[in-house]
Amino acid sequence: MKVIQRTKSSDIAAVYIAQTGDGHMVEFVESSQPPFPRSKKWVLIISSLIGCPVQCRFCEAGGSYKRVLSKEELYFQIRYVLDNYCISRYINSEKFKIQFARIGEPSLNDNVLLLLEELPSLIDAPGLLPCISTVAPRSADRFFESLLAIKNELYKNSFQLQFSVHSTDEDHRNYLLPVSKWSLEEISDYGRRFYSKQNRKITLNFAPSGDTPLCPDKIRKCFSPEIFLLKFTPINPTLTAKNNRMDSLISPRIKKYDWIDRLRCMGYEVILSIGEMEENRIGSNCGQYISNFRSRTRSLKDAYTYELEDIKTV
């Protein structure tokens, strides 16, 4: 596996494209959160699959699913970035987050579990914070049982679990996330088992469009604010979202949402996560980079374009 291209340097994020031994492309991201230096917070976002079978209505990563990434291919994405920044194996960052959230639903790859088991022995990072972001496919029940055991053994105080929920209406969830998956009640049941007071709350992520059903009362009925926090993010400006006519309800131009105030009054910790607009230009959002890298062979009229650097030595 070798890195063949990356975005030009930025203080916010860099996206890397690697090529596997059998010729597939994989992308991964490293990012910081200005004004915080990497010694305070450093995030790596890695891919778990080549393509993705889920095909969410707003994500560029869906389609053209080929295979899972091996444990070695997963670790390569981490090690490559670390080798560029760290002379030693010690990662001096208060929060070093490795997020399985780039391309591919991580719970469909058991090699993610194998890497999580070995990760504490592979890198020396006191601030290590693994993060799984998932739509909770029903076919991955055994994955989640194993994940619970691994968290309890190795990451009692340092694991982040995030469910991509997006709507409180099951029919609309089925449209947005066209895969057999856990209901809201099943997510809640698992979350209660997964949560511990020593660890952080479980995140429910919503990226709503203007027509997305969001019912605060339904959220309160299913999810305890003692266990779950809510994160609302914009829909990334992908071509897939545009083709499905999905306009983001969350906007940097809007500072106040009455339904968010209502949820806070219900006792929830609510994060409104908009991020930096430059991330759209860089392409560090969900699955944008490879799709636009490939689109250079066709019209780029409606696509984002990025400044690229060839990697001549790896």
C-alpha atoms as a PDB file:
ATOM      1  CA  MET A   1       0.000   0.000   0.000  1.00  0.00           C
ATOM      2  CA  LYS A   2       1.358   3.440  -0.894  1.00  0.00           C
ATOM      3  CA  VAL A   3       0.167   7.036  -0.730  1.00  0.00           C
ATOM      4  CA  ILE A   4      -0.046   8.568  -4.195  1.00  0.00           C
ATOM      5  CA  GLN A   5      -1.634  11.989  -3.614  1.00  0.00           C
ATOM      6  CA  ARG A   6      -2.677  14.432  -0.942  1.00  0.00           C
ATOM      7  CA  THR A   7      -4.188  17.865  -0.667  1.00  0.00           C
ATOM      8  CA  LYS A   8      -1.746  20.713  -0.352  1.00  0.00           C
ATOM      9  CA  SER A   9      -0.875  21.709   3.169  1.00  0.00           C
ATOM     10  CA  SER A  10      -3.500  23.359   5.327  1.00  0.00           C
ATOM     11  CA  ASP A  11      -3.691  24.317   8.979  1.00  0.00           C
ATOM     12  CA  ILE A  12      -7.071  22.586   9.189  1.00  0.00           C
ATOM     13  CA  ALA A  13      -6.916  19.232   7.402  1.00  0.00           C
ATOM     14  CA  ALA A  14      -5.139  17.107   4.838  1.00  0.00           C
ATOM     15  CA  VAL A  15      -6.647  14.312   2.763  1.00  0.00           C
ATOM     16  CA  TYR A  16      -4.522  11.433   1.511  1.00  0.00           C
ATOM     17  CA  ILE A  17      -5.184   8.963  -1.294  1.00  0.00           C
ATOM     18  CA  ALA A  18      -3.432   5.613  -1.027  1.00  0.00           C
ATOM     19  CA  GLN A  19      -3.348   2.747  -3.501  1.00  0.00           C
ATOM     20  CA  THR A  20      -3.619  -0.830  -2.308  1.00  0.00           C
ATOM     21  CA  GLY A  21      -1.556  -3.681  -3.661  1.00  0.00           C
ATOM     22  CA  ASP A  22      -4.480  -4.802  -5.818  1.00  0.00           C
ATOM     23  CA  GLY A  23      -4.974  -1.338  -7.305  1.00  0.00           C
ATOM     24  CA  HIS A  24      -7.872   0.075  -5.256  1.00  0.00           C
ATOM     25  CA  MET A  25      -7.894   3.583  -3.806  1.00  0.00           C
ATOM     26  CA  VAL A  26      -8.333   4.410  -0.139  1.00  0.00           C
ATOM     27  CA  GLU A  27      -8.597   7.837   1.437  1.00  0.00           C
ATOM     28  CA  PHE A  28      -7.917   9.061   4.958  1.00  0.00           C
ATOM     29  CA  VAL A  29      -7.734  12.406   6.729  1.00  0.00           C
ATOM     30  CA  GLU A  30      -5.726  14.081   9.436  1.00  0.00           C
ATOM     31  CA  SER A  31      -7.059  17.266  10.954  1.00  0.00           C
ATOM     32  CA  SER A  32      -6.624  19.704  13.792  1.00  0.00           C
ATOM     33  CA  GLN A  33      -9.064  22.122  15.326  1.00  0.00           C
ATOM     34  CA  PRO A  34      -7.701  25.680  15.191  1.00  0.00           C
ATOM     35  CA  PRO A  35      -6.880  27.527  17.349  1.00  0.00           C
ATOM     36  CA  PHE A  36      -5.903  24.365  19.246  1.00  0.00           C
ATOM     37  CA  PRO A  37      -2.513  22.869  18.319  1.00  0.00           C
ATOM     38  CA  ARG A  38      -2.078  19.167  17.650  1.00  0.00           C
ATOM     39  CA  SER A  39      -0.704  18.826  21.162  1.00  0.00           C
ATOM     40  CA  LYS A  40      -4.243  19.583  22.379  1.00  0.00           C
ATOM     41  CA  LYS A  41      -6.380  17.762  19.814  1.00  0.00           C
ATOM     42  CA  TRP A  42      -5.431  15.707  16.794  1.00  0.00           C
ATOM     43  CA  VAL A  43      -7.882  13.695  14.698  1.00  0.00           C
ATOM     44  CA  LEU A  44      -7.257  10.929  12.170  1.00  0.00           C
ATOM     45  CA  ILE A  45     -10.246   9.755  10.140  1.00  0.00           C
ATOM     46  CA  ILE A  46      -9.642   6.461   8.410  1.00  0.00           C
ATOM     47  CA  SER A  47     -11.494   4.268   5.921  1.00  0.00           C
ATOM     48  CA  SER A  48     -12.688   0.759   6.754  1.00  0.00           C
ATOM     49  CA  LEU A  49     -13.895  -0.493   3.357  1.00  0.00           C
ATOM     50  CA  ILE A  50     -13.182   0.003  -0.321  1.00  0.00           C
ATOM     51  CA  GLY A  51     -16.476   1.555  -1.325  1.00  0.00           C
ATOM     52  CA  CYS A  52     -19.516   1.045   0.876  1.00  0.00           C
ATOM     53  CA  PRO A  53     -22.610  -1.133   0.448  1.00  0.00           C
ATOM     54  CA  VAL A  54     -24.868   1.104   2.564  1.00  0.00           C
ATOM     55  CA  GLN A  55     -25.214   3.946   0.023  1.00  0.00           C
ATOM     56  CA  CYS A  56     -26.569   6.689   2.296  1.00  0.00           C
ATOM     57  CA  ARG A  57     -28.472   9.320   0.322  1.00  0.00           C
ATOM     58  CA  PHE A  58     -26.008  12.122   1.124  1.00  0.00           C
ATOM     59  CA  CYS A  59     -22.653  10.345   1.103  1.00  0.00           C
ATOM     60  CA  GLU A  60     -20.192  10.100  -1.780  1.00  0.00           C
ATOM     61  CA  ALA A  61     -18.681   6.924  -0.336  1.00  0.00           C
ATOM     62  CA  GLY A  62     -21.551   4.639  -1.314  1.00  0.00           C
ATOM     63  CA  GLY A  63     -21.498   2.335  -4.297  1.00  0.00           C
ATOM     64  CA  SER A  64     -18.702   0.388  -5.993  1.00  0.00           C
ATOM     65  CA  TYR A  65     -18.121  -1.737  -2.911  1.00  0.00           C
ATOM     66  CA  LYS A  66     -15.162  -4.072  -3.412  1.00  0.00           C
ATOM     67  CA  ARG A  67     -13.949  -5.480  -0.112  1.00  0.00           C
ATOM     68  CA  VAL A  68     -12.976  -4.822   3.495  1.00  0.00           C
ATOM     69  CA  LEU A  69      -9.572  -3.414   4.340  1.00  0.00           C
ATOM     70  CA  SER A  70      -7.137  -5.712   6.108  1.00  0.00           C
ATOM     71  CA  LYS A  71      -5.841  -4.938   9.589  1.00  0.00           C
ATOM     72  CA  GLU A  72      -2.533  -3.927   8.003  1.00  0.00           C
ATOM     73  CA  GLU A  73      -4.277  -1.592   5.546  1.00  0.00           C
ATOM     74  CA  LEU A  74      -6.219  -0.012   8.381  1.00  0.00           C
ATOM     75  CA  TYR A  75      -3.065   0.549  10.428  1.00  0.00           C
ATOM     76  CA  PHE A  76      -1.167   1.898   7.411  1.00  0.00           C
ATOM     77  CA  GLN A  77      -3.474   4.933   7.343  1.00  0.00           C
ATOM     78  CA  ILE A  78      -2.586   5.740  10.952  1.00  0.00           C
ATOM     79  CA  ARG A  79       1.103   4.974  10.726  1.00  0.00           C
ATOM     80  CA  TYR A  80       1.631   7.015   7.557  1.00  0.00           C
ATOM     81  CA  VAL A  81       0.369  10.206   9.182  1.00  0.00           C
ATOM     82  CA  LEU A  82       2.271   9.565  12.398  1.00  0.00           C
ATOM     83  CA  ASP A  83       5.519   9.011  10.535  1.00  0.00           C
ATOM     84  CA  ASN A  84       5.112  12.445   8.928  1.00  0.00           C
ATOM     85  CA  TYR A  85       4.735  14.206  12.276  1.00  0.00           C
ATOM     86  CA  CYS A  86       6.354  12.092  14.976  1.00  0.00           C
ATOM     87  CA  ILE A  87      10.013  11.282  15.266  1.00  0.00           C
ATOM     88  CA  SER A  88       9.326   8.809  18.068  1.00  0.00           C
ATOM     89  CA  ARG A  89       6.413   6.451  18.700  1.00  0.00           C
ATOM     90  CA  TYR A  90       5.152   8.768  21.464  1.00  0.00           C
ATOM     91  CA  ILE A  91       2.141  10.904  20.475  1.00  0.00           C
ATOM     92  CA  ASN A  92       2.120  13.970  22.687  1.00  0.00           C
ATOM     93  CA  SER A  93      -1.498  15.007  22.216  1.00  0.00           C
ATOM     94  CA  GLU A  94      -4.034  15.441  25.020  1.00  0.00           C
ATOM     95  CA  LYS A  95      -6.747  14.069  22.720  1.00  0.00           C
ATOM     96  CA  PHE A  96      -5.567  11.803  19.903  1.00  0.00           C
ATOM     97  CA  LYS A  97      -8.742  10.683  18.187  1.00  0.00           C
ATOM     98  CA  ILE A  98      -8.745   7.862  15.646  1.00  0.00           C
ATOM     99  CA  GLN A  99     -12.140   7.851  14.006  1.00  0.00           C
ATOM    100  CA  PHE A 100     -13.381   4.968  11.866  1.00  0.00           C
ATOM    101  CA  ALA A 101     -15.671   7.188   9.836  1.00  0.00           C
ATOM    102  CA  ARG A 102     -14.223   7.951   6.426  1.00  0.00           C
ATOM    103  CA  ILE A 103     -15.237   5.507   3.695  1.00  0.00           C
ATOM    104  CA  GLY A 104     -17.200   2.419   4.634  1.00  0.00           C
ATOM    105  CA  GLU A 105     -19.412   1.315   7.518  1.00  0.00           C
ATOM    106  CA  PRO A 106     -16.817   0.118  10.096  1.00  0.00           C
ATOM    107  CA  SER A 107     -19.066  -2.488  11.718  1.00  0.00           C
ATOM    108  CA  LEU A 108     -19.001  -4.463   8.445  1.00  0.00           C
ATOM    109  CA  ASN A 109     -15.264  -5.081   8.857  1.00  0.00           C
ATOM    110  CA  ASP A 110     -14.133  -7.387  11.672  1.00  0.00           C
ATOM    111  CA  ASN A 111     -10.548  -6.267  11.081  1.00  0.00           C
ATOM    112  CA  VAL A 112     -11.514  -3.026  12.828  1.00  0.00           C
ATOM    113  CA  LEU A 113     -11.935  -5.096  16.001  1.00  0.00           C
ATOM    114  CA  LEU A 114      -8.541  -6.742  15.505  1.00  0.00           C
ATOM    115  CA  LEU A 115      -6.874  -3.355  15.147  1.00  0.00           C
ATOM    116  CA  LEU A 116      -8.631  -1.969  18.221  1.00  0.00           C
ATOM    117  CA  GLU A 117      -7.307  -4.917  20.228  1.00  0.00           C
ATOM    118  CA  GLU A 118      -3.724  -4.212  19.143  1.00  0.00           C
ATOM    119  CA  LEU A 119      -3.751  -0.428  18.937  1.00  0.00           C
ATOM    120  CA  PRO A 120      -2.623   0.287  22.530  1.00  0.00           C
ATOM    121  CA  SER A 121       0.495  -1.819  21.923  1.00  0.00           C
ATOM    122  CA  LEU A 122       1.189  -0.328  18.472  1.00  0.00           C
ATOM    123  CA  ILE A 123       1.308   3.330  19.459  1.00  0.00           C
ATOM    124  CA  ASP A 124       2.241   5.171  22.641  1.00  0.00           C
ATOM    125  CA  ALA A 125      -0.555   7.709  22.994  1.00  0.00           C
ATOM    126  CA  PRO A 126      -1.851   8.542  26.501  1.00  0.00           C
ATOM    127  CA  GLY A 127      -4.608  10.632  24.894  1.00  0.00           C
ATOM    128  CA  LEU A 128      -5.767   7.869  22.552  1.00  0.00           C
ATOM    129  CA  LEU A 129      -9.491   8.056  21.834  1.00  0.00           C
ATOM    130  CA  PRO A 130     -10.845   5.520  19.310  1.00  0.00           C
ATOM    131  CA  CYS A 131     -14.184   6.410  17.775  1.00  0.00           C
ATOM    132  CA  ILE A 132     -16.632   4.246  15.859  1.00  0.00           C
ATOM    133  CA  SER A 133     -19.261   6.024  13.763  1.00  0.00           C
ATOM    134  CA  THR A 134     -21.991   3.664  12.609  1.00  0.00           C
ATOM    135  CA  VAL A 135     -25.491   3.357  11.200  1.00  0.00           C
ATOM    136  CA  ALA A 136     -25.846   0.106  13.227  1.00  0.00           C
ATOM    137  CA  PRO A 137     -26.508  -2.470  10.486  1.00  0.00           C
ATOM    138  CA  ARG A 138     -28.547  -5.405  11.739  1.00  0.00           C
ATOM    139  CA  SER A 139     -26.053  -7.811  10.138  1.00  0.00           C
ATOM    140  CA  ALA A 140     -23.321  -6.530  12.489  1.00  0.00           C
ATOM    141  CA  ASP A 141     -24.805  -7.713  15.803  1.00  0.00           C
ATOM    142  CA  ARG A 142     -21.763  -9.864  16.588  1.00  0.00           C
ATOM    143  CA  PHE A 143     -19.438  -6.972  15.794  1.00  0.00           C
ATOM    144  CA  PHE A 144     -21.140  -4.805  18.404  1.00  0.00           C
ATOM    145  CA  GLU A 145     -21.020  -7.524  21.050  1.00  0.00           C
ATOM    146  CA  SER A 146     -17.276  -7.900  20.453  1.00  0.00           C
ATOM    147  CA  LEU A 147     -16.826  -4.123  20.460  1.00  0.00           C
ATOM    148  CA  LEU A 148     -18.492  -3.918  23.859  1.00  0.00           C
ATOM    149  CA  ALA A 149     -16.089  -6.511  25.265  1.00  0.00           C
ATOM    150  CA  ILE A 150     -13.048  -4.743  23.786  1.00  0.00           C
ATOM    151  CA  LYS A 151     -14.165  -1.380  25.151  1.00  0.00           C
ATOM    152  CA  ASN A 152     -14.669  -2.817  28.627  1.00  0.00           C
ATOM    153  CA  GLU A 153     -11.250  -4.461  28.602  1.00  0.00           C
ATOM    154  CA  LEU A 154      -9.032  -1.859  26.906  1.00  0.00           C
ATOM    155  CA  TYR A 155     -10.829   1.473  26.671  1.00  0.00           C
ATOM    156  CA  LYS A 156     -12.879   1.848  29.847  1.00  0.00           C
ATOM    157  CA  ASN A 157     -12.218   5.586  30.057  1.00  0.00           C
ATOM    158  CA  SER A 158     -11.441   6.456  26.456  1.00  0.00           C
ATOM    159  CA  PHE A 159     -13.860   5.362  23.760  1.00  0.00           C
ATOM    160  CA  GLN A 160     -16.354   7.293  21.672  1.00  0.00           C
ATOM    161  CA  LEU A 161     -19.342   5.640  20.041  1.00  0.00           C
ATOM    162  CA  GLN A 162     -21.444   7.581  17.583  1.00  0.00           C
ATOM    163  CA  PHE A 163     -24.667   6.462  15.918  1.00  0.00           C
ATOM    164  CA  SER A 164     -25.708   8.111  12.657  1.00  0.00           C
ATOM    165  CA  VAL A 165     -29.435   8.490  13.309  1.00  0.00           C
ATOM    166  CA  HIS A 166     -30.418  11.531  11.205  1.00  0.00           C
ATOM    167  CA  SER A 167     -34.184  11.327  11.740  1.00  0.00           C
ATOM    168  CA  THR A 168     -36.687  10.274  14.391  1.00  0.00           C
ATOM    169  CA  ASP A 169     -39.009   8.789  11.758  1.00  0.00           C
ATOM    170  CA  GLU A 170     -38.147   5.178  10.883  1.00  0.00           C
ATOM    171  CA  ASP A 171     -39.497   5.414   7.331  1.00  0.00           C
ATOM    172  CA  HIS A 172     -37.346   8.467   6.678  1.00  0.00           C
ATOM    173  CA  ARG A 173     -34.344   6.760   8.269  1.00  0.00           C
ATOM    174  CA  ASN A 174     -34.896   3.843   5.899  1.00  0.00           C
ATOM    175  CA  TYR A 175     -34.837   6.259   2.976  1.00  0.00           C
ATOM    176  CA  LEU A 176     -31.689   8.041   4.154  1.00  0.00           C
ATOM    177  CA  LEU A 177     -29.871   4.872   5.261  1.00  0.00           C
ATOM    178  CA  PRO A 178     -31.064   2.114   2.902  1.00  0.00           C
ATOM    179  CA  VAL A 179     -29.830  -0.891   4.864  1.00  0.00           C
ATOM    180  CA  SER A 180     -31.460  -3.141   7.450  1.00  0.00           C
ATOM    181  CA  LYS A 181     -30.473  -1.568  10.756  1.00  0.00           C
ATOM    182  CA  TRP A 182     -31.347  -1.212  14.407  1.00  0.00           C
ATOM    183  CA  SER A 183     -34.419   0.780  15.350  1.00  0.00           C
ATOM    184  CA  LEU A 184     -34.119   3.775  17.655  1.00  0.00           C
ATOM    185  CA  GLU A 185     -35.204   1.565  20.543  1.00  0.00           C
ATOM    186  CA  GLU A 186     -32.518  -1.020  19.758  1.00  0.00           C
ATOM    187  CA  ILE A 187     -29.856   1.689  19.568  1.00  0.00           C
ATOM    188  CA  SER A 188     -31.038   2.915  22.961  1.00  0.00           C
ATOM    189  CA  ASP A 189     -30.897  -0.593  24.472  1.00  0.00           C
ATOM    190  CA  TYR A 190     -27.338  -1.153  23.256  1.00  0.00           C
ATOM    191  CA  GLY A 191     -26.286   2.320  24.340  1.00  0.00           C
ATOM    192  CA  ARG A 192     -27.418   1.644  27.893  1.00  0.00           C
ATOM    193  CA  ARG A 193     -25.251  -1.470  27.952  1.00  0.00           C
ATOM    194  CA  PHE A 194     -22.280   0.290  26.360  1.00  0.00           C
ATOM    195  CA  TYR A 195     -22.274   3.402  28.511  1.00  0.00           C
ATOM    196  CA  SER A 196     -20.324   3.729  31.719  1.00  0.00           C
ATOM    197  CA  LYS A 197     -19.925   6.776  33.939  1.00  0.00           C
ATOM    198  CA  GLN A 198     -16.164   6.579  33.496  1.00  0.00           C
ATOM    199  CA  ASN A 199     -16.544   6.976  29.723  1.00  0.00           C
ATOM    200  CA  ARG A 200     -18.112   9.680  27.600  1.00  0.00           C
ATOM    201  CA  LYS A 201     -21.734   9.851  26.567  1.00  0.00           C
ATOM    202  CA  ILE A 202     -22.818   8.127  23.383  1.00  0.00           C
ATOM    203  CA  THR A 203     -23.367  10.493  20.474  1.00  0.00           C
ATOM    204  CA  LEU A 204     -26.487  10.527  18.321  1.00  0.00           C
ATOM    205  CA  ASN A 205     -25.645  12.330  15.116  1.00  0.00           C
ATOM    206  CA  PHE A 206     -28.228  14.131  12.987  1.00  0.00           C
ATOM    207  CA  ALA A 207     -27.514  15.782   9.634  1.00  0.00           C
ATOM    208  CA  PRO A 208     -31.032  16.951   8.792  1.00  0.00           C
ATOM    209  CA  SER A 209     -32.375  18.408   5.579  1.00  0.00           C
ATOM    210  CA  GLY A 210     -35.319  20.749   5.430  1.00  0.00           C
ATOM    211  CA  ASP A 211     -37.860  17.913   5.181  1.00  0.00           C
ATOM    212  CA  THR A 212     -36.291  15.614   7.806  1.00  0.00           C
ATOM    213  CA  PRO A 213     -38.724  14.642  10.592  1.00  0.00           C
ATOM    214  CA  LEU A 214     -37.172  15.560  13.941  1.00  0.00           C
ATOM    215  CA  CYS A 215     -39.362  15.083  16.995  1.00  0.00           C
ATOM    216  CA  PRO A 216     -37.823  16.124  20.354  1.00  0.00           C
ATOM    217  CA  ASP A 217     -40.481  14.145  22.222  1.00  0.00           C
ATOM    218  CA  LYS A 218     -39.526  10.975  20.312  1.00  0.00           C
ATOM    219  CA  ILE A 219     -35.860  11.532  21.153  1.00  0.00           C
ATOM    220  CA  ARG A 220     -36.717  11.993  24.827  1.00  0.00           C
ATOM    221  CA  LYS A 221     -38.914   8.878  24.825  1.00  0.00           C
ATOM    222  CA  CYS A 222     -36.120   6.678  23.430  1.00  0.00           C
ATOM    223  CA  PHE A 223     -32.887   8.181  24.732  1.00  0.00           C
ATOM    224  CA  SER A 224     -31.850   9.175  28.230  1.00  0.00           C
ATOM    225  CA  PRO A 225     -29.962  12.490  28.412  1.00  0.00           C
ATOM    226  CA  GLU A 226     -27.823  10.883  31.104  1.00  0.00           C
ATOM    227  CA  ILE A 227     -26.417   8.450  28.523  1.00  0.00           C
ATOM    228  CA  PHE A 228     -26.739  10.128  25.121  1.00  0.00           C
ATOM    229  CA  LEU A 229     -25.690  13.492  23.754  1.00  0.00           C
ATOM    230  CA  LEU A 230     -26.993  14.967  20.509  1.00  0.00           C
ATOM    231  CA  LYS A 231     -24.876  16.336  17.687  1.00  0.00           C
ATOM    232  CA  PHE A 232     -26.337  18.241  14.764  1.00  0.00           C
ATOM    233  CA  THR A 233     -24.214  18.815  11.671  1.00  0.00           C
ATOM    234  CA  PRO A 234     -24.732  20.217   8.182  1.00  0.00           C
ATOM    235  CA  ILE A 235     -25.198  17.868   5.265  1.00  0.00           C
ATOM    236  CA  ASN A 236     -21.873  17.823   3.490  1.00  0.00           C
ATOM    237  CA  PRO A 237     -22.095  19.449   0.029  1.00  0.00           C
ATOM    238  CA  THR A 238     -21.588  16.221  -1.881  1.00  0.00           C
ATOM    239  CA  LEU A 239     -22.772  15.523  -5.396  1.00  0.00           C
ATOM    240  CA  THR A 240     -24.871  12.663  -4.021  1.00  0.00           C
ATOM    241  CA  ALA A 241     -26.724  15.017  -1.683  1.00  0.00           C
ATOM    242  CA  LYS A 242     -27.193  17.486  -4.507  1.00  0.00           C
ATOM    243  CA  ASN A 243     -28.551  14.824  -6.861  1.00  0.00           C
ATOM    244  CA  ASN A 244     -31.010  13.755  -4.141  1.00  0.00           C
ATOM    245  CA  ARG A 245     -32.023  17.405  -3.649  1.00  0.00           C
ATOM    246  CA  MET A 246     -31.012  17.418  -0.017  1.00  0.00           C
ATOM    247  CA  ASP A 247     -30.490  20.923   1.331  1.00  0.00           C
ATOM    248  CA  SER A 248     -28.974  21.149   4.777  1.00  0.00           C
ATOM    249  CA  LEU A 249     -31.193  22.433   7.570  1.00  0.00           C
ATOM    250  CA  ILE A 250     -28.089  23.358   9.593  1.00  0.00           C
ATOM    251  CA  SER A 251     -26.378  26.452   8.253  1.00  0.00           C
ATOM    252  CA  PRO A 252     -23.583  28.722   9.518  1.00  0.00           C
ATOM    253  CA  ARG A 253     -25.899  31.625   8.726  1.00  0.00           C
ATOM    254  CA  ILE A 254     -28.438  30.475  11.331  1.00  0.00           C
ATOM    255  CA  LYS A 255     -27.387  30.999  14.936  1.00  0.00           C
ATOM    256  CA  LYS A 256     -30.485  29.786  16.792  1.00  0.00           C
ATOM    257  CA  TYR A 257     -32.802  26.798  16.415  1.00  0.00           C
ATOM    258  CA  ASP A 258     -35.895  26.611  18.600  1.00  0.00           C
ATOM    259  CA  TRP A 259     -35.970  22.791  18.568  1.00  0.00           C
ATOM    260  CA  ILE A 260     -32.346  22.696  19.792  1.00  0.00           C
ATOM    261  CA  ASP A 261     -33.311  25.008  22.646  1.00  0.00           C
ATOM    262  CA  ARG A 262     -36.173  22.644  23.440  1.00  0.00           C
ATOM    263  CA  LEU A 263     -33.852  19.644  23.531  1.00  0.00           C
ATOM    264  CA  ARG A 264     -31.504  21.467  25.874  1.00  0.00           C
ATOM    265  CA  CYS A 265     -34.432  22.266  28.132  1.00  0.00           C
ATOM    266  CA  MET A 266     -35.137  18.517  28.184  1.00  0.00           C
ATOM    267  CA  GLY A 267     -31.695  18.008  29.711  1.00  0.00           C
ATOM    268  CA  TYR A 268     -29.647  17.018  26.652  1.00  0.00           C
ATOM    269  CA  GLU A 269     -26.143  18.116  25.941  1.00  0.00           C
ATOM    270  CA  VAL A 270     -26.458  19.367  22.358  1.00  0.00           C
ATOM    271  CA  ILE A 271     -23.522  20.048  20.050  1.00  0.00           C
ATOM    272  CA  LEU A 272     -24.067  22.190  16.983  1.00  0.00           C
ATOM    273  CA  SER A 273     -21.067  21.133  14.895  1.00  0.00           C
ATOM    274  CA  ILE A 274     -20.647  23.228  11.777  1.00  0.00           C
ATOM    275  CA  GLY A 275     -16.860  23.219  11.425  1.00  0.00           C
ATOM    276  CA  GLU A 276     -14.745  25.222   9.043  1.00  0.00           C
ATOM    277  CA  MET A 277     -16.031  26.053   5.580  1.00  0.00           C
ATOM    278  CA  GLU A 278     -12.522  25.419   4.234  1.00  0.00           C
ATOM    279  CA  GLU A 279     -13.093  21.721   4.907  1.00  0.00           C
ATOM    280  CA  ASN A 280     -15.507  21.689   1.959  1.00  0.00           C
ATOM    281  CA  ARG A 281     -12.842  23.146  -0.304  1.00  0.00           C
ATOM    282  CA  ILE A 282     -10.181  20.773   0.971  1.00  0.00           C
ATOM    283  CA  GLY A 283     -12.506  17.802   0.596  1.00  0.00           C
ATOM    284  CA  SER A 284     -12.058  16.456   4.101  1.00  0.00           C
ATOM    285  CA  ASN A 285     -15.798  15.800   4.427  1.00  0.00           C
ATOM    286  CA  CYS A 286     -17.418  12.412   3.984  1.00  0.00           C
ATOM    287  CA  GLY A 287     -16.088  10.537   0.972  1.00  0.00           C
ATOM    288  CA  GLN A 288     -15.706  13.593  -1.217  1.00  0.00           C
ATOM    289  CA  TYR A 289     -12.094  13.374  -2.159  1.00  0.00           C
ATOM    290  CA  ILE A 290     -11.800  10.137  -4.129  1.00  0.00           C
ATOM    291  CA  SER A 291     -15.074  10.735  -5.941  1.00  0.00           C
ATOM    292  CA  ASN A 292     -13.824  14.098  -7.146  1.00  0.00           C
ATOM    293  CA  PHE A 293     -10.373  12.706  -7.837  1.00  0.00           C
ATOM    294  CA  ARG A 294     -12.066  10.233 -10.172  1.00  0.00           C
ATOM    295  CA  SER A 295     -14.319  12.921 -11.629  1.00  0.00           C
ATOM    296  CA  ARG A 296     -11.321  14.540 -13.295  1.00  0.00           C
ATOM    297  CA  THR A 297     -11.987  12.147 -16.138  1.00  0.00           C
ATOM    298  CA  ARG A 298     -15.392  13.716 -16.657  1.00  0.00           C
ATOM    299  CA  SER A 299     -16.942  17.181 -16.420  1.00  0.00           C
ATOM    300  CA  LEU A 300     -16.034  19.062 -13.250  1.00  0.00           C
ATOM    301  CA  LYS A 301     -18.700  21.690 -13.720  1.00  0.00           C
ATOM    302  CA  ASP A 302     -20.642  20.625 -10.621  1.00  0.00           C
ATOM    303  CA  ALA A 303     -17.766  19.086  -8.676  1.00  0.00           C
ATOM    304  CA  TYR A 304     -15.393  20.496  -6.126  1.00  0.00           C
ATOM    305  CA  THR A 305     -11.799  20.619  -7.314  1.00  0.00           C
ATOM    306  CA  TYR A 306      -8.793  20.505  -5.054  1.00  0.00           C
ATOM    307  CA  GLU A 307      -5.155  21.383  -5.290  1.00  0.00           C
ATOM    308  CA  LEU A 308      -3.266  18.113  -5.356  1.00  0.00           C
ATOM    309  CA  GLU A 309       0.299  17.138  -4.683  1.00  0.00           C
ATOM    310  CA  ASP A 310       1.790  13.957  -6.081  1.00  0.00           C
ATOM    311  CA  ILE A 311       3.656  11.883  -3.510  1.00  0.00           C
ATOM    312  CA  LYS A 312       6.912  10.902  -5.179  1.00  0.00           C
ATOM    313  CA  THR A 313       8.430   9.080  -2.236  1.00  0.00           C
ATOM    314  CA  VAL A 314       6.660   7.100   0.455  1.00  0.00           C
END
